[in-house]
PDB file of N, CA and C in Angstrom:
ATOM      1  N   MET A   1    -264.678 -74.229 139.594  1.00  0.00           N
ATOM      2  CA  MET A   1    -263.632 -73.258 139.821  1.00  0.00           C
ATOM      3  C   MET A   1    -263.548 -72.380 138.573  1.00  0.00           C
ATOM      4  N   ASP A   2    -263.444 -71.090 138.769  1.00  0.00           N
ATOM      5  CA  ASP A   2    -263.429 -70.193 137.616  1.00  0.00           C
ATOM      6  C   ASP A   2    -262.048 -70.161 136.950  1.00  0.00           C
ATOM      7  N   GLU A   3    -262.036 -69.794 135.689  1.00  0.00           N
ATOM      8  CA  GLU A   3    -260.813 -69.816 134.882  1.00  0.00           C
ATOM      9  C   GLU A   3    -259.705 -68.910 135.424  1.00  0.00           C
ATOM     10  N   PRO A   4    -260.009 -67.675 135.865  1.00  0.00           N
ATOM     11  CA  PRO A   4    -258.914 -66.848 136.413  1.00  0.00           C
ATOM     12  C   PRO A   4    -258.228 -67.512 137.617  1.00  0.00           C
ATOM     13  N   LEU A   5    -259.008 -68.165 138.477  1.00  0.00           N
ATOM     14  CA  LEU A   5    -258.414 -68.840 139.630  1.00  0.00           C
ATOM     15  C   LEU A   5    -257.574 -70.027 139.179  1.00  0.00           C
ATOM     16  N   LYS A   6    -258.058 -70.791 138.214  1.00  0.00           N
ATOM     17  CA  LYS A   6    -257.274 -71.914 137.680  1.00  0.00           C
ATOM     18  C   LYS A   6    -255.939 -71.416 137.136  1.00  0.00           C
ATOM     19  N   HIS A   7    -255.985 -70.295 136.423  1.00  0.00           N
ATOM     20  CA  HIS A   7    -254.761 -69.728 135.858  1.00  0.00           C
ATOM     21  C   HIS A   7    -253.791 -69.305 136.968  1.00  0.00           C
ATOM     22  N   LEU A   8    -254.309 -68.655 138.000  1.00  0.00           N
ATOM     23  CA  LEU A   8    -253.458 -68.223 139.118  1.00  0.00           C
ATOM     24  C   LEU A   8    -252.846 -69.421 139.841  1.00  0.00           C
ATOM     25  N   MET A   9    -253.625 -70.479 140.014  1.00  0.00           N
ATOM     26  CA  MET A   9    -253.104 -71.684 140.672  1.00  0.00           C
ATOM     27  C   MET A   9    -252.019 -72.335 139.813  1.00  0.00           C
ATOM     28  N   GLN A  10    -252.214 -72.356 138.498  1.00  0.00           N
ATOM     29  CA  GLN A  10    -251.201 -72.907 137.591  1.00  0.00           C
ATOM     30  C   GLN A  10    -249.919 -72.085 137.671  1.00  0.00           C
ATOM     31  N   GLU A  11    -250.055 -70.763 137.729  1.00  0.00           N
ATOM     32  CA  GLU A  11    -248.887 -69.896 137.851  1.00  0.00           C
ATOM     33  C   GLU A  11    -248.132 -70.166 139.152  1.00  0.00           C
ATOM     34  N   LEU A  12    -248.872 -70.379 140.233  1.00  0.00           N
ATOM     35  CA  LEU A  12    -248.238 -70.694 141.510  1.00  0.00           C
ATOM     36  C   LEU A  12    -247.487 -72.018 141.416  1.00  0.00           C
ATOM     37  N   GLY A  13    -248.108 -73.011 140.810  1.00  0.00           N
ATOM     38  CA  GLY A  13    -247.442 -74.306 140.624  1.00  0.00           C
ATOM     39  C   GLY A  13    -246.180 -74.176 139.793  1.00  0.00           C
ATOM     40  N   ASN A  14    -246.245 -73.389 138.725  1.00  0.00           N
ATOM     41  CA  ASN A  14    -245.062 -73.173 137.886  1.00  0.00           C
ATOM     42  C   ASN A  14    -243.959 -72.470 138.660  1.00  0.00           C
ATOM     43  N   ALA A  15    -244.328 -71.501 139.484  1.00  0.00           N
ATOM     44  CA  ALA A  15    -243.337 -70.774 140.284  1.00  0.00           C
ATOM     45  C   ALA A  15    -242.650 -71.701 141.282  1.00  0.00           C
ATOM     46  N   ILE A  16    -243.423 -72.561 141.916  1.00  0.00           N
ATOM     47  CA  ILE A  16    -242.842 -73.518 142.878  1.00  0.00           C
ATOM     48  C   ILE A  16    -241.907 -74.474 142.150  1.00  0.00           C
ATOM     49  N   ASN A  17    -242.359 -75.008 141.012  1.00  0.00           N
ATOM     50  CA  ASN A  17    -241.540 -75.937 140.231  1.00  0.00           C
ATOM     51  C   ASN A  17    -240.244 -75.274 139.774  1.00  0.00           C
ATOM     52  N   ASP A  18    -240.336 -74.032 139.276  1.00  0.00           N
ATOM     53  CA  ASP A  18    -239.142 -73.312 138.847  1.00  0.00           C
ATOM     54  C   ASP A  18    -238.172 -73.102 140.003  1.00  0.00           C
ATOM     55  N   SER A  19    -238.702 -72.746 141.164  1.00  0.00           N
ATOM     56  CA  SER A  19    -237.845 -72.529 142.333  1.00  0.00           C
ATOM     57  C   SER A  19    -237.074 -73.783 142.698  1.00  0.00           C
ATOM     58  N   LEU A  20    -237.754 -74.915 142.652  1.00  0.00           N
ATOM     59  CA  LEU A  20    -237.101 -76.173 143.000  1.00  0.00           C
ATOM     60  C   LEU A  20    -236.070 -76.575 141.951  1.00  0.00           C
ATOM     61  N   SER A  21    -236.438 -76.448 140.686  1.00  0.00           N
ATOM     62  CA  SER A  21    -235.535 -76.893 139.623  1.00  0.00           C
ATOM     63  C   SER A  21    -234.324 -75.971 139.477  1.00  0.00           C
ATOM     64  N   GLU A  22    -234.424 -74.725 139.898  1.00  0.00           N
ATOM     65  CA  GLU A  22    -233.315 -73.789 139.792  1.00  0.00           C
ATOM     66  C   GLU A  22    -232.478 -73.718 141.063  1.00  0.00           C
ATOM     67  N   SER A  23    -232.831 -74.492 142.061  1.00  0.00           N
ATOM     68  CA  SER A  23    -232.121 -74.440 143.333  1.00  0.00           C
ATOM     69  C   SER A  23    -230.785 -75.178 143.230  1.00  0.00           C
ATOM     70  N   ASP A  24    -229.699 -74.448 143.409  1.00  0.00           N
ATOM     71  CA  ASP A  24    -228.375 -75.064 143.398  1.00  0.00           C
ATOM     72  C   ASP A  24    -228.218 -76.044 144.554  1.00  0.00           C
ATOM     73  N   ARG A  25    -228.814 -75.712 145.685  1.00  0.00           N
ATOM     74  CA  ARG A  25    -228.699 -76.576 146.859  1.00  0.00           C
ATOM     75  C   ARG A  25    -229.373 -77.926 146.624  1.00  0.00           C
ATOM     76  N   ILE A  26    -230.576 -77.899 146.034  1.00  0.00           N
ATOM     77  CA  ILE A  26    -231.275 -79.151 145.740  1.00  0.00           C
ATOM     78  C   ILE A  26    -230.508 -79.945 144.687  1.00  0.00           C
ATOM     79  N   ALA A  27    -230.039 -79.278 143.625  1.00  0.00           N
ATOM     80  CA  ALA A  27    -229.284 -79.955 142.575  1.00  0.00           C
ATOM     81  C   ALA A  27    -228.022 -80.599 143.133  1.00  0.00           C
ATOM     82  N   GLU A  28    -227.367 -79.901 144.046  1.00  0.00           N
ATOM     83  CA  GLU A  28    -226.152 -80.433 144.657  1.00  0.00           C
ATOM     84  C   GLU A  28    -226.447 -81.676 145.499  1.00  0.00           C
ATOM     85  N   ALA A  29    -227.503 -81.620 146.292  1.00  0.00           N
ATOM     86  CA  ALA A  29    -227.865 -82.762 147.131  1.00  0.00           C
ATOM     87  C   ALA A  29    -228.243 -83.968 146.267  1.00  0.00           C
ATOM     88  N   ILE A  30    -229.004 -83.736 145.197  1.00  0.00           N
ATOM     89  CA  ILE A  30    -229.383 -84.831 144.304  1.00  0.00           C
ATOM     90  C   ILE A  30    -228.142 -85.394 143.621  1.00  0.00           C
ATOM     91  N   GLY A  31    -227.232 -84.518 143.217  1.00  0.00           N
ATOM     92  CA  GLY A  31    -225.989 -84.968 142.591  1.00  0.00           C
ATOM     93  C   GLY A  31    -225.173 -85.855 143.515  1.00  0.00           C
ATOM     94  N   GLU A  32    -225.107 -85.500 144.780  1.00  0.00           N
ATOM     95  CA  GLU A  32    -224.360 -86.316 145.749  1.00  0.00           C
ATOM     96  C   GLU A  32    -224.994 -87.688 145.919  1.00  0.00           C
ATOM     97  N   ILE A  33    -226.307 -87.733 145.935  1.00  0.00           N
ATOM     98  CA  ILE A  33    -226.996 -89.019 146.061  1.00  0.00           C
ATOM     99  C   ILE A  33    -226.718 -89.885 144.829  1.00  0.00           C
ATOM    100  N   LYS A  34    -226.764 -89.273 143.645  1.00  0.00           N
ATOM    101  CA  LYS A  34    -226.475 -90.019 142.412  1.00  0.00           C
ATOM    102  C   LYS A  34    -225.035 -90.514 142.385  1.00  0.00           C
ATOM    103  N   ARG A  35    -224.096 -89.667 142.823  1.00  0.00           N
ATOM    104  CA  ARG A  35    -222.696 -90.084 142.868  1.00  0.00           C
ATOM    105  C   ARG A  35    -222.483 -91.230 143.846  1.00  0.00           C
ATOM    106  N   ALA A  36    -223.344 -91.329 144.845  1.00  0.00           N
ATOM    107  CA  ALA A  36    -223.250 -92.433 145.807  1.00  0.00           C
ATOM    108  C   ALA A  36    -223.850 -93.717 145.236  1.00  0.00           C
ATOM    109  N   GLY A  37    -224.374 -93.646 143.998  1.00  0.00           N
ATOM    110  CA  GLY A  37    -224.864 -94.848 143.335  1.00  0.00           C
ATOM    111  C   GLY A  37    -226.357 -95.086 143.430  1.00  0.00           C
ATOM    112  N   TYR A  38    -227.115 -94.067 143.739  1.00  0.00           N
ATOM    113  CA  TYR A  38    -228.560 -94.214 143.884  1.00  0.00           C
ATOM    114  C   TYR A  38    -229.295 -93.412 142.812  1.00  0.00           C
ATOM    115  N   ASP A  39    -230.451 -93.917 142.426  1.00  0.00           N
ATOM    116  CA  ASP A  39    -231.363 -93.137 141.601  1.00  0.00           C
ATOM    117  C   ASP A  39    -232.202 -92.284 142.536  1.00  0.00           C
ATOM    118  N   VAL A  40    -232.603 -91.119 142.089  1.00  0.00           N
ATOM    119  CA  VAL A  40    -233.355 -90.193 142.938  1.00  0.00           C
ATOM    120  C   VAL A  40    -234.729 -89.947 142.331  1.00  0.00           C
ATOM    121  N   PHE A  41    -235.740 -90.094 143.151  1.00  0.00           N
ATOM    122  CA  PHE A  41    -237.102 -89.770 142.770  1.00  0.00           C
ATOM    123  C   PHE A  41    -237.609 -88.756 143.785  1.00  0.00           C
ATOM    124  N   LEU A  42    -237.840 -87.546 143.338  1.00  0.00           N
ATOM    125  CA  LEU A  42    -238.277 -86.489 144.236  1.00  0.00           C
ATOM    126  C   LEU A  42    -239.735 -86.175 143.944  1.00  0.00           C
ATOM    127  N   VAL A  43    -240.581 -86.428 144.928  1.00  0.00           N
ATOM    128  CA  VAL A  43    -242.000 -86.129 144.796  1.00  0.00           C
ATOM    129  C   VAL A  43    -242.383 -85.263 145.986  1.00  0.00           C
ATOM    130  N   LEU A  44    -242.859 -84.075 145.713  1.00  0.00           N
ATOM    131  CA  LEU A  44    -243.297 -83.169 146.765  1.00  0.00           C
ATOM    132  C   LEU A  44    -244.784 -82.938 146.619  1.00  0.00           C
ATOM    133  N   GLU A  45    -245.445 -82.830 147.731  1.00  0.00           N
ATOM    134  CA  GLU A  45    -246.876 -82.539 147.715  1.00  0.00           C
ATOM    135  C   GLU A  45    -247.114 -81.259 148.478  1.00  0.00           C
ATOM    136  N   ALA A  46    -247.805 -80.347 147.852  1.00  0.00           N
ATOM    137  CA  ALA A  46    -248.121 -79.084 148.503  1.00  0.00           C
ATOM    138  C   ALA A  46    -249.631 -78.973 148.645  1.00  0.00           C
ATOM    139  N   THR A  47    -250.059 -78.558 149.801  1.00  0.00           N
ATOM    140  CA  THR A  47    -251.467 -78.289 150.011  1.00  0.00           C
ATOM    141  C   THR A  47    -251.630 -76.788 150.132  1.00  0.00           C
ATOM    142  N   ILE A  48    -252.398 -76.233 149.232  1.00  0.00           N
ATOM    143  CA  ILE A  48    -252.596 -74.792 149.209  1.00  0.00           C
ATOM    144  C   ILE A  48    -254.079 -74.530 149.392  1.00  0.00           C
ATOM    145  N   GLY A  49    -254.415 -73.798 150.423  1.00  0.00           N
ATOM    146  CA  GLY A  49    -255.812 -73.494 150.687  1.00  0.00           C
ATOM    147  C   GLY A  49    -256.114 -72.043 150.369  1.00  0.00           C
ATOM    148  N   PHE A  50    -257.324 -71.800 149.969  1.00  0.00           N
ATOM    149  CA  PHE A  50    -257.729 -70.433 149.697  1.00  0.00           C
ATOM    150  C   PHE A  50    -259.226 -70.312 149.891  1.00  0.00           C
ATOM    151  N   ASN A  51    -259.638 -69.132 150.284  1.00  0.00           N
ATOM    152  CA  ASN A  51    -261.046 -68.787 150.444  1.00  0.00           C
ATOM    153  C   ASN A  51    -261.253 -67.412 149.855  1.00  0.00           C
ATOM    154  N   ARG A  52    -262.379 -67.220 149.226  1.00  0.00           N
ATOM    155  CA  ARG A  52    -262.704 -65.899 148.713  1.00  0.00           C
ATOM    156  C   ARG A  52    -263.016 -65.002 149.908  1.00  0.00           C
ATOM    157  N   ARG A  53    -262.405 -63.821 149.942  1.00  0.00           N
ATOM    158  CA  ARG A  53    -262.657 -62.877 151.018  1.00  0.00           C
ATOM    159  C   ARG A  53    -264.044 -62.277 150.855  1.00  0.00           C
ATOM    160  N   ASP A  54    -264.691 -62.065 151.974  1.00  0.00           N
ATOM    161  CA  ASP A  54    -266.000 -61.425 151.980  1.00  0.00           C
ATOM    162  C   ASP A  54    -265.769 -59.926 152.021  1.00  0.00           C
ATOM    163  N   GLU A  55    -265.996 -59.253 150.911  1.00  0.00           N
ATOM    164  CA  GLU A  55    -265.748 -57.814 150.821  1.00  0.00           C
ATOM    165  C   GLU A  55    -266.717 -57.001 151.660  1.00  0.00           C
ATOM    166  N   SER A  56    -267.865 -57.576 152.025  1.00  0.00           N
ATOM    167  CA  SER A  56    -268.861 -56.828 152.788  1.00  0.00           C
ATOM    168  C   SER A  56    -268.793 -57.134 154.279  1.00  0.00           C
ATOM    169  N   GLY A  57    -267.708 -57.773 154.739  1.00  0.00           N
ATOM    170  CA  GLY A  57    -267.588 -58.169 156.145  1.00  0.00           C
ATOM    171  C   GLY A  57    -267.369 -56.988 157.055  1.00  0.00           C
ATOM    172  N   ASP A  58    -267.332 -57.271 158.344  1.00  0.00           N
ATOM    173  CA  ASP A  58    -267.108 -56.230 159.341  1.00  0.00           C
ATOM    174  C   ASP A  58    -265.736 -55.604 159.139  1.00  0.00           C
ATOM    175  N   GLU A  59    -265.645 -54.305 159.332  1.00  0.00           N
ATOM    176  CA  GLU A  59    -264.378 -53.610 159.148  1.00  0.00           C
ATOM    177  C   GLU A  59    -263.409 -53.875 160.286  1.00  0.00           C
ATOM    178  N   ASP A  60    -263.909 -54.260 161.456  1.00  0.00           N
ATOM    179  CA  ASP A  60    -263.009 -54.487 162.583  1.00  0.00           C
ATOM    180  C   ASP A  60    -262.380 -55.873 162.539  1.00  0.00           C
ATOM    181  N   GLY A  61    -262.717 -56.678 161.524  1.00  0.00           N
ATOM    182  CA  GLY A  61    -262.081 -57.970 161.346  1.00  0.00           C
ATOM    183  C   GLY A  61    -262.705 -59.081 162.150  1.00  0.00           C
ATOM    184  N   GLU A  62    -263.731 -58.809 162.922  1.00  0.00           N
ATOM    185  CA  GLU A  62    -264.351 -59.859 163.705  1.00  0.00           C
ATOM    186  C   GLU A  62    -265.370 -60.602 162.859  1.00  0.00           C
ATOM    187  N   LEU A  63    -265.430 -61.899 163.073  1.00  0.00           N
ATOM    188  CA  LEU A  63    -266.396 -62.726 162.366  1.00  0.00           C
ATOM    189  C   LEU A  63    -267.597 -62.974 163.253  1.00  0.00           C
ATOM    190  N   GLU A  64    -268.717 -63.132 162.631  1.00  0.00           N
ATOM    191  CA  GLU A  64    -269.878 -63.545 163.404  1.00  0.00           C
ATOM    192  C   GLU A  64    -269.622 -64.938 163.934  1.00  0.00           C
ATOM    193  N   GLU A  65    -270.316 -65.314 164.980  1.00  0.00           N
ATOM    194  CA  GLU A  65    -270.070 -66.605 165.607  1.00  0.00           C
ATOM    195  C   GLU A  65    -270.265 -67.753 164.630  1.00  0.00           C
ATOM    196  N   SER A  66    -271.267 -67.690 163.781  1.00  0.00           N
ATOM    197  CA  SER A  66    -271.515 -68.785 162.846  1.00  0.00           C
ATOM    198  C   SER A  66    -270.400 -68.900 161.816  1.00  0.00           C
ATOM    199  N   GLU A  67    -269.753 -67.785 161.475  1.00  0.00           N
ATOM    200  CA  GLU A  67    -268.663 -67.829 160.507  1.00  0.00           C
ATOM    201  C   GLU A  67    -267.364 -68.300 161.132  1.00  0.00           C
ATOM    202  N   ALA A  68    -267.208 -68.095 162.428  1.00  0.00           N
ATOM    203  CA  ALA A  68    -265.959 -68.434 163.092  1.00  0.00           C
ATOM    204  C   ALA A  68    -265.797 -69.929 163.293  1.00  0.00           C
ATOM    205  N   GLU A  69    -266.875 -70.670 163.325  1.00  0.00           N
ATOM    206  CA  GLU A  69    -266.779 -72.108 163.540  1.00  0.00           C
ATOM    207  C   GLU A  69    -266.357 -72.794 162.258  1.00  0.00           C
ATOM    208  N   GLU A  70    -265.343 -73.641 162.370  1.00  0.00           N
ATOM    209  CA  GLU A  70    -264.907 -74.398 161.211  1.00  0.00           C
ATOM    210  C   GLU A  70    -265.736 -75.656 161.108  1.00  0.00           C
ATOM    211  N   PRO A  71    -266.044 -76.073 159.882  1.00  0.00           N
ATOM    212  CA  PRO A  71    -266.787 -77.320 159.743  1.00  0.00           C
ATOM    213  C   PRO A  71    -265.916 -78.494 160.171  1.00  0.00           C
ATOM    214  N   LYS A  72    -266.545 -79.486 160.773  1.00  0.00           N
ATOM    215  CA  LYS A  72    -265.793 -80.665 161.207  1.00  0.00           C
ATOM    216  C   LYS A  72    -265.456 -81.496 159.986  1.00  0.00           C
ATOM    217  N   ARG A  73    -264.209 -81.912 159.919  1.00  0.00           N
ATOM    218  CA  ARG A  73    -263.746 -82.719 158.800  1.00  0.00           C
ATOM    219  C   ARG A  73    -263.482 -84.123 159.282  1.00  0.00           C
ATOM    220  N   THR A  74    -263.931 -85.070 158.529  1.00  0.00           N
ATOM    221  CA  THR A  74    -263.661 -86.462 158.858  1.00  0.00           C
ATOM    222  C   THR A  74    -262.939 -87.097 157.685  1.00  0.00           C
ATOM    223  N   PHE A  75    -262.057 -88.001 157.989  1.00  0.00           N
ATOM    224  CA  PHE A  75    -261.302 -88.705 156.968  1.00  0.00           C
ATOM    225  C   PHE A  75    -261.561 -90.190 157.138  1.00  0.00           C
ATOM    226  N   GLU A  76    -261.671 -90.840 156.031  1.00  0.00           N
ATOM    227  CA  GLU A  76    -261.978 -92.258 156.054  1.00  0.00           C
ATOM    228  C   GLU A  76    -261.047 -92.971 155.081  1.00  0.00           C
ATOM    229  N   ALA A  77    -260.482 -94.084 155.516  1.00  0.00           N
ATOM    230  CA  ALA A  77    -259.632 -94.867 154.622  1.00  0.00           C
ATOM    231  C   ALA A  77    -260.488 -95.475 153.521  1.00  0.00           C
ATOM    232  N   THR A  78    -260.018 -95.348 152.298  1.00  0.00           N
ATOM    233  CA  THR A  78    -260.795 -95.858 151.175  1.00  0.00           C
ATOM    234  C   THR A  78    -260.188 -97.110 150.559  1.00  0.00           C
ATOM    235  N   GLY A  79    -259.052 -97.508 151.028  1.00  0.00           N
ATOM    236  CA  GLY A  79    -258.419 -98.684 150.456  1.00  0.00           C
ATOM    237  C   GLY A  79    -257.190 -99.068 151.235  1.00  0.00           C
ATOM    238  N   LYS A  80    -256.512-100.086 150.736  1.00  0.00           N
ATOM    239  CA  LYS A  80    -255.290-100.554 151.383  1.00  0.00           C
ATOM    240  C   LYS A  80    -254.120-100.303 150.460  1.00  0.00           C
ATOM    241  N   ILE A  81    -252.956-100.124 151.061  1.00  0.00           N
ATOM    242  CA  ILE A  81    -251.741 -99.989 150.276  1.00  0.00           C
ATOM    243  C   ILE A  81    -250.808-101.135 150.649  1.00  0.00           C
ATOM    244  N   LYS A  82    -249.990-101.502 149.719  1.00  0.00           N
ATOM    245  CA  LYS A  82    -249.021-102.557 149.976  1.00  0.00           C
ATOM    246  C   LYS A  82    -247.666-101.912 150.194  1.00  0.00           C
ATOM    247  N   LEU A  83    -247.087-102.141 151.362  1.00  0.00           N
ATOM    248  CA  LEU A  83    -245.805-101.556 151.704  1.00  0.00           C
ATOM    249  C   LEU A  83    -244.695-102.573 151.463  1.00  0.00           C
ATOM    250  N   THR A  84    -243.594-102.087 150.933  1.00  0.00           N
ATOM    251  CA  THR A  84    -242.431-102.943 150.734  1.00  0.00           C
ATOM    252  C   THR A  84    -241.642-103.010 152.033  1.00  0.00           C
ATOM    253  N   THR A  85    -240.666-103.887 152.065  1.00  0.00           N
ATOM    254  CA  THR A  85    -239.786-103.987 153.223  1.00  0.00           C
ATOM    255  C   THR A  85    -239.066-102.670 153.449  1.00  0.00           C
ATOM    256  N   GLN A  86    -238.680-102.031 152.369  1.00  0.00           N
ATOM    257  CA  GLN A  86    -238.004-100.732 152.468  1.00  0.00           C
ATOM    258  C   GLN A  86    -238.948 -99.683 153.055  1.00  0.00           C
ATOM    259  N   ASP A  87    -240.214 -99.731 152.689  1.00  0.00           N
ATOM    260  CA  ASP A  87    -241.200 -98.809 153.256  1.00  0.00           C
ATOM    261  C   ASP A  87    -241.287 -98.999 154.774  1.00  0.00           C
ATOM    262  N   HIS A  88    -241.342-100.263 155.196  1.00  0.00           N
ATOM    263  CA  HIS A  88    -241.431-100.562 156.631  1.00  0.00           C
ATOM    264  C   HIS A  88    -240.199-100.035 157.375  1.00  0.00           C
ATOM    265  N   ARG A  89    -239.018-100.247 156.802  1.00  0.00           N
ATOM    266  CA  ARG A  89    -237.791 -99.749 157.440  1.00  0.00           C
ATOM    267  C   ARG A  89    -237.821 -98.229 157.573  1.00  0.00           C
ATOM    268  N   PHE A  90    -238.245 -97.564 156.508  1.00  0.00           N
ATOM    269  CA  PHE A  90    -238.308 -96.113 156.524  1.00  0.00           C
ATOM    270  C   PHE A  90    -239.265 -95.613 157.600  1.00  0.00           C
ATOM    271  N   LEU A  91    -240.444 -96.208 157.666  1.00  0.00           N
ATOM    272  CA  LEU A  91    -241.427 -95.780 158.658  1.00  0.00           C
ATOM    273  C   LEU A  91    -240.944 -96.055 160.077  1.00  0.00           C
ATOM    274  N   ARG A  92    -240.311 -97.208 160.281  1.00  0.00           N
ATOM    275  CA  ARG A  92    -239.762 -97.510 161.609  1.00  0.00           C
ATOM    276  C   ARG A  92    -238.676 -96.507 161.992  1.00  0.00           C
ATOM    277  N   ALA A  93    -237.867 -96.080 161.015  1.00  0.00           N
ATOM    278  CA  ALA A  93    -236.817 -95.090 161.286  1.00  0.00           C
ATOM    279  C   ALA A  93    -237.427 -93.763 161.721  1.00  0.00           C
ATOM    280  N   LEU A  94    -238.627 -93.481 161.255  1.00  0.00           N
ATOM    281  CA  LEU A  94    -239.335 -92.268 161.651  1.00  0.00           C
ATOM    282  C   LEU A  94    -240.181 -92.470 162.903  1.00  0.00           C
ATOM    283  N   LYS A  95    -240.054 -93.652 163.497  1.00  0.00           N
ATOM    284  CA  LYS A  95    -240.812 -94.001 164.704  1.00  0.00           C
ATOM    285  C   LYS A  95    -242.314 -94.043 164.432  1.00  0.00           C
ATOM    286  N   ILE A  96    -242.689 -94.527 163.241  1.00  0.00           N
ATOM    287  CA  ILE A  96    -244.091 -94.671 162.874  1.00  0.00           C
ATOM    288  C   ILE A  96    -244.438 -96.149 162.931  1.00  0.00           C
ATOM    289  N   ALA A  97    -245.416 -96.475 163.756  1.00  0.00           N
ATOM    290  CA  ALA A  97    -245.827 -97.866 163.901  1.00  0.00           C
ATOM    291  C   ALA A  97    -246.579 -98.314 162.657  1.00  0.00           C
ATOM    292  N   VAL A  98    -246.317 -99.540 162.254  1.00  0.00           N
ATOM    293  CA  VAL A  98    -246.958-100.102 161.071  1.00  0.00           C
ATOM    294  C   VAL A  98    -247.727-101.345 161.493  1.00  0.00           C
ATOM    295  N   ASP A  99    -248.955-101.433 161.035  1.00  0.00           N
ATOM    296  CA  ASP A  99    -249.787-102.592 161.339  1.00  0.00           C
ATOM    297  C   ASP A  99    -249.167-103.820 160.685  1.00  0.00           C
ATOM    298  N   GLU A 100    -248.770-104.796 161.483  1.00  0.00           N
ATOM    299  CA  GLU A 100    -248.041-105.957 160.981  1.00  0.00           C
ATOM    300  C   GLU A 100    -248.909-106.852 160.096  1.00  0.00           C
ATOM    301  N   GLU A 101    -250.222-106.797 160.186  1.00  0.00           N
ATOM    302  CA  GLU A 101    -251.058-107.669 159.365  1.00  0.00           C
ATOM    303  C   GLU A 101    -251.043-107.260 157.885  1.00  0.00           C
ATOM    304  N   ASN A 102    -250.578-106.042 157.581  1.00  0.00           N
ATOM    305  CA  ASN A 102    -250.510-105.575 156.200  1.00  0.00           C
ATOM    306  C   ASN A 102    -249.212-105.977 155.514  1.00  0.00           C
ATOM    307  N   ARG A 103    -248.360-106.702 156.178  1.00  0.00           N
ATOM    308  CA  ARG A 103    -247.073-107.094 155.589  1.00  0.00           C
ATOM    309  C   ARG A 103    -247.223-108.166 154.564  1.00  0.00           C
TER     310      ARG A 103
END
């Protein structure tokens, strides 16, 4: 990845972080949770995709057939995670089935 792109991505991350940390609404919600006697851990994950535009492409915006096909993506589990009882309760509340053998 080239340095200008790394810099732009860092700037985007900083902008997102600043927006969250300066949000009165988020601060208020976290404050209410703390006043209720809980510690708060906020972890957000953002997926940001980007592709370099082809400057020499067709002007009408149409892609050639080979360019229009997306590559097939496959995902494979690489390990196991250990879920706590609280994790199981949370997932059940979201109606997510949990494999009982991992308990």
